[in-house]
Amino acid sequence: MRALEALKEKGIKITKARIAIYEILTKNESSVTVDFLYDECRRLGLNLNISTVYRTLEIFEEKKFVEKFYLGEGRYSFAIKKNHHVHKLECSLCHKEIEVSCPMQHIGELLKTQTGFTLTEHKLDLKGICEECKHKDKE
């Protein structure tokens, strides 16, 4: 069973609720809310409290198993962490490049919540001035 392997690999104690939450998260293309997870667990016949869902998500987040997306107005959604995608940030003066984590999954979740629009691809060019060049400019 994939859920058991995934949870064991992350060092997460195995419970019926954690297995169910993992499976619900992996079956959904986009992020889901705590209420959605709670309702789905109840629909599957699990007798649990919503606090169990919150605690499970906290553990998953601590173990870097899920990503948490702020949807505004104190609401969050969660998704299984996908492959780490990065972009390069290039200094406009010296052309030094650094890698930064891609913010687009978070932006995609916000867009989906606010507009119903699902991103299928993106391009992101990042340019700026690095710390060293900023200091040289002031001298």
C-alpha atoms as a PDB file:
ATOM      1  CA  MET A   1       0.000   0.000   0.000  1.00  0.00           C
ATOM      2  CA  ARG A   2       1.511   3.334  -1.116  1.00  0.00           C
ATOM      3  CA  ALA A   3       0.187   5.315   1.879  1.00  0.00           C
ATOM      4  CA  LEU A   4       1.875   3.033   4.407  1.00  0.00           C
ATOM      5  CA  GLU A   5       5.200   3.239   2.583  1.00  0.00           C
ATOM      6  CA  ALA A   6       5.025   7.018   2.222  1.00  0.00           C
ATOM      7  CA  LEU A   7       4.162   7.600   5.884  1.00  0.00           C
ATOM      8  CA  LYS A   8       6.833   5.162   7.121  1.00  0.00           C
ATOM      9  CA  GLU A   9       9.419   6.799   4.858  1.00  0.00           C
ATOM     10  CA  LYS A  10       8.731  10.166   6.522  1.00  0.00           C
ATOM     11  CA  GLY A  11       8.780   8.621  10.013  1.00  0.00           C
ATOM     12  CA  ILE A  12       5.083   9.314  10.604  1.00  0.00           C
ATOM     13  CA  LYS A  13       3.159   7.018  12.950  1.00  0.00           C
ATOM     14  CA  ILE A  14       0.566   4.990  11.040  1.00  0.00           C
ATOM     15  CA  THR A  15      -3.120   5.526  11.927  1.00  0.00           C
ATOM     16  CA  LYS A  16      -6.316   5.018   9.940  1.00  0.00           C
ATOM     17  CA  ALA A  17      -6.919   8.777   9.898  1.00  0.00           C
ATOM     18  CA  ARG A  18      -3.416   9.560   8.608  1.00  0.00           C
ATOM     19  CA  ILE A  19      -3.698   6.941   5.882  1.00  0.00           C
ATOM     20  CA  ALA A  20      -7.077   8.334   4.819  1.00  0.00           C
ATOM     21  CA  ILE A  21      -5.850  11.941   4.826  1.00  0.00           C
ATOM     22  CA  TYR A  22      -2.775  10.958   2.804  1.00  0.00           C
ATOM     23  CA  GLU A  23      -4.933   9.133   0.242  1.00  0.00           C
ATOM     24  CA  ILE A  24      -7.385  12.031  -0.052  1.00  0.00           C
ATOM     25  CA  LEU A  25      -4.512  14.479  -0.562  1.00  0.00           C
ATOM     26  CA  THR A  26      -2.875  12.333  -3.238  1.00  0.00           C
ATOM     27  CA  LYS A  27      -6.121  11.780  -5.153  1.00  0.00           C
ATOM     28  CA  ASN A  28      -6.799  15.509  -5.495  1.00  0.00           C
ATOM     29  CA  GLU A  29      -5.092  17.472  -8.263  1.00  0.00           C
ATOM     30  CA  SER A  30      -5.224  20.715  -6.309  1.00  0.00           C
ATOM     31  CA  SER A  31      -4.987  21.609  -2.657  1.00  0.00           C
ATOM     32  CA  VAL A  32      -7.861  20.901  -0.271  1.00  0.00           C
ATOM     33  CA  THR A  33      -9.132  22.529   2.892  1.00  0.00           C
ATOM     34  CA  VAL A  34      -9.341  21.031   6.368  1.00  0.00           C
ATOM     35  CA  ASP A  35     -13.138  20.994   6.085  1.00  0.00           C
ATOM     36  CA  PHE A  36     -12.935  19.038   2.825  1.00  0.00           C
ATOM     37  CA  LEU A  37     -10.560  16.504   4.406  1.00  0.00           C
ATOM     38  CA  TYR A  38     -12.777  16.172   7.469  1.00  0.00           C
ATOM     39  CA  ASP A  39     -15.920  15.662   5.364  1.00  0.00           C
ATOM     40  CA  GLU A  40     -14.183  13.093   3.151  1.00  0.00           C
ATOM     41  CA  CYS A  41     -12.899  11.147   6.169  1.00  0.00           C
ATOM     42  CA  ARG A  42     -16.394  11.099   7.665  1.00  0.00           C
ATOM     43  CA  ARG A  43     -17.831   9.989   4.304  1.00  0.00           C
ATOM     44  CA  LEU A  44     -15.334   7.099   4.353  1.00  0.00           C
ATOM     45  CA  GLY A  45     -16.737   6.053   7.733  1.00  0.00           C
ATOM     46  CA  LEU A  46     -13.950   7.342   9.963  1.00  0.00           C
ATOM     47  CA  ASN A  47     -15.172   8.614  13.314  1.00  0.00           C
ATOM     48  CA  LEU A  48     -12.734  11.430  14.035  1.00  0.00           C
ATOM     49  CA  ASN A  49     -12.643  14.992  15.285  1.00  0.00           C
ATOM     50  CA  ILE A  50     -11.670  17.908  13.086  1.00  0.00           C
ATOM     51  CA  SER A  51      -8.779  18.462  15.526  1.00  0.00           C
ATOM     52  CA  THR A  52      -7.368  15.117  14.319  1.00  0.00           C
ATOM     53  CA  VAL A  53      -7.271  16.495  10.783  1.00  0.00           C
ATOM     54  CA  TYR A  54      -5.504  19.655  11.991  1.00  0.00           C
ATOM     55  CA  ARG A  55      -2.958  17.645  14.022  1.00  0.00           C
ATOM     56  CA  THR A  56      -2.298  15.301  11.100  1.00  0.00           C
ATOM     57  CA  LEU A  57      -1.713  18.223   8.756  1.00  0.00           C
ATOM     58  CA  GLU A  58       0.636  19.829  11.296  1.00  0.00           C
ATOM     59  CA  ILE A  59       2.652  16.598  11.433  1.00  0.00           C
ATOM     60  CA  PHE A  60       2.651  16.304   7.633  1.00  0.00           C
ATOM     61  CA  GLU A  61       3.815  19.917   7.392  1.00  0.00           C
ATOM     62  CA  GLU A  62       6.587  19.434  10.002  1.00  0.00           C
ATOM     63  CA  LYS A  63       7.844  16.418   8.043  1.00  0.00           C
ATOM     64  CA  LYS A  64       7.802  18.526   4.845  1.00  0.00           C
ATOM     65  CA  PHE A  65       5.192  16.179   3.414  1.00  0.00           C
ATOM     66  CA  VAL A  66       2.584  18.805   2.514  1.00  0.00           C
ATOM     67  CA  GLU A  67       2.533  22.406   1.423  1.00  0.00           C
ATOM     68  CA  LYS A  68       0.244  24.896   3.124  1.00  0.00           C
ATOM     69  CA  PHE A  69      -1.332  27.655   1.050  1.00  0.00           C
ATOM     70  CA  TYR A  70      -2.830  30.809   2.525  1.00  0.00           C
ATOM     71  CA  LEU A  71      -6.131  31.539   0.781  1.00  0.00           C
ATOM     72  CA  GLY A  72      -6.884  34.801   2.580  1.00  0.00           C
ATOM     73  CA  GLU A  73      -9.239  35.594   5.443  1.00  0.00           C
ATOM     74  CA  GLY A  74      -7.523  33.097   7.761  1.00  0.00           C
ATOM     75  CA  ARG A  75      -8.176  30.128   5.452  1.00  0.00           C
ATOM     76  CA  TYR A  76      -5.606  27.596   4.266  1.00  0.00           C
ATOM     77  CA  SER A  77      -5.474  24.654   1.920  1.00  0.00           C
ATOM     78  CA  PHE A  78      -3.028  21.768   1.759  1.00  0.00           C
ATOM     79  CA  ALA A  79      -1.461  19.606  -0.947  1.00  0.00           C
ATOM     80  CA  ILE A  80       1.107  16.832  -1.044  1.00  0.00           C
ATOM     81  CA  LYS A  81       4.480  18.402  -1.784  1.00  0.00           C
ATOM     82  CA  LYS A  82       5.373  17.969  -5.416  1.00  0.00           C
ATOM     83  CA  ASN A  83       8.766  17.884  -7.075  1.00  0.00           C
ATOM     84  CA  HIS A  84      10.827  20.838  -5.984  1.00  0.00           C
ATOM     85  CA  HIS A  85      10.737  23.336  -8.826  1.00  0.00           C
ATOM     86  CA  VAL A  86      13.095  26.316  -8.867  1.00  0.00           C
ATOM     87  CA  HIS A  87      13.700  29.460 -10.892  1.00  0.00           C
ATOM     88  CA  LYS A  88      16.839  31.486 -11.364  1.00  0.00           C
ATOM     89  CA  LEU A  89      17.070  35.056 -10.109  1.00  0.00           C
ATOM     90  CA  GLU A  90      19.595  37.051 -12.180  1.00  0.00           C
ATOM     91  CA  CYS A  91      21.362  40.245 -11.126  1.00  0.00           C
ATOM     92  CA  SER A  92      20.858  42.881 -13.822  1.00  0.00           C
ATOM     93  CA  LEU A  93      24.332  44.328 -13.181  1.00  0.00           C
ATOM     94  CA  CYS A  94      26.793  41.468 -12.634  1.00  0.00           C
ATOM     95  CA  HIS A  95      24.550  38.664 -14.010  1.00  0.00           C
ATOM     96  CA  LYS A  96      25.105  36.485 -10.937  1.00  0.00           C
ATOM     97  CA  GLU A  97      22.331  33.884 -10.680  1.00  0.00           C
ATOM     98  CA  ILE A  98      20.790  32.244  -7.642  1.00  0.00           C
ATOM     99  CA  GLU A  99      18.058  29.623  -7.467  1.00  0.00           C
ATOM    100  CA  VAL A 100      14.809  30.412  -5.671  1.00  0.00           C
ATOM    101  CA  SER A 101      11.856  28.155  -4.927  1.00  0.00           C
ATOM    102  CA  CYS A 102       9.000  28.555  -7.364  1.00  0.00           C
ATOM    103  CA  PRO A 103       6.130  30.577  -5.886  1.00  0.00           C
ATOM    104  CA  MET A 104       3.715  29.625  -8.664  1.00  0.00           C
ATOM    105  CA  GLN A 105       2.029  26.675  -6.933  1.00  0.00           C
ATOM    106  CA  HIS A 106       0.946  29.036  -4.166  1.00  0.00           C
ATOM    107  CA  ILE A 107      -0.168  31.662  -6.703  1.00  0.00           C
ATOM    108  CA  GLY A 108      -1.991  28.954  -8.660  1.00  0.00           C
ATOM    109  CA  GLU A 109      -3.920  27.907  -5.551  1.00  0.00           C
ATOM    110  CA  LEU A 110      -4.887  31.534  -4.856  1.00  0.00           C
ATOM    111  CA  LEU A 111      -6.032  32.007  -8.455  1.00  0.00           C
ATOM    112  CA  LYS A 112      -8.067  28.806  -8.360  1.00  0.00           C
ATOM    113  CA  THR A 113      -9.755  29.840  -5.124  1.00  0.00           C
ATOM    114  CA  GLN A 114     -10.483  33.373  -6.286  1.00  0.00           C
ATOM    115  CA  THR A 115     -11.345  32.747  -9.941  1.00  0.00           C
ATOM    116  CA  GLY A 116     -11.770  29.011 -10.501  1.00  0.00           C
ATOM    117  CA  PHE A 117      -8.935  29.246 -13.073  1.00  0.00           C
ATOM    118  CA  THR A 118      -6.427  26.360 -13.100  1.00  0.00           C
ATOM    119  CA  LEU A 119      -2.873  27.110 -14.202  1.00  0.00           C
ATOM    120  CA  THR A 120      -1.474  24.578 -16.633  1.00  0.00           C
ATOM    121  CA  GLU A 121       1.924  26.184 -17.215  1.00  0.00           C
ATOM    122  CA  HIS A 122       3.898  29.280 -16.366  1.00  0.00           C
ATOM    123  CA  LYS A 123       6.976  31.287 -17.268  1.00  0.00           C
ATOM    124  CA  LEU A 124       8.699  33.315 -14.642  1.00  0.00           C
ATOM    125  CA  ASP A 125      11.666  35.597 -15.364  1.00  0.00           C
ATOM    126  CA  LEU A 126      13.173  37.142 -12.260  1.00  0.00           C
ATOM    127  CA  LYS A 127      15.680  39.977 -12.428  1.00  0.00           C
ATOM    128  CA  GLY A 128      16.942  42.310  -9.786  1.00  0.00           C
ATOM    129  CA  ILE A 129      20.104  43.688  -8.258  1.00  0.00           C
ATOM    130  CA  CYS A 130      22.141  41.502  -5.915  1.00  0.00           C
ATOM    131  CA  GLU A 131      23.288  42.668  -2.480  1.00  0.00           C
ATOM    132  CA  GLU A 132      26.907  43.157  -3.608  1.00  0.00           C
ATOM    133  CA  CYS A 133      25.946  45.344  -6.583  1.00  0.00           C
ATOM    134  CA  LYS A 134      23.589  47.374  -4.377  1.00  0.00           C
ATOM    135  CA  HIS A 135      26.476  48.173  -2.031  1.00  0.00           C
ATOM    136  CA  LYS A 136      28.828  49.012  -4.916  1.00  0.00           C
ATOM    137  CA  ASP A 137      26.232  51.442  -6.273  1.00  0.00           C
ATOM    138  CA  LYS A 138      26.114  53.330  -2.930  1.00  0.00           C
ATOM    139  CA  GLU A 139      29.912  53.774  -2.756  1.00  0.00           C
END
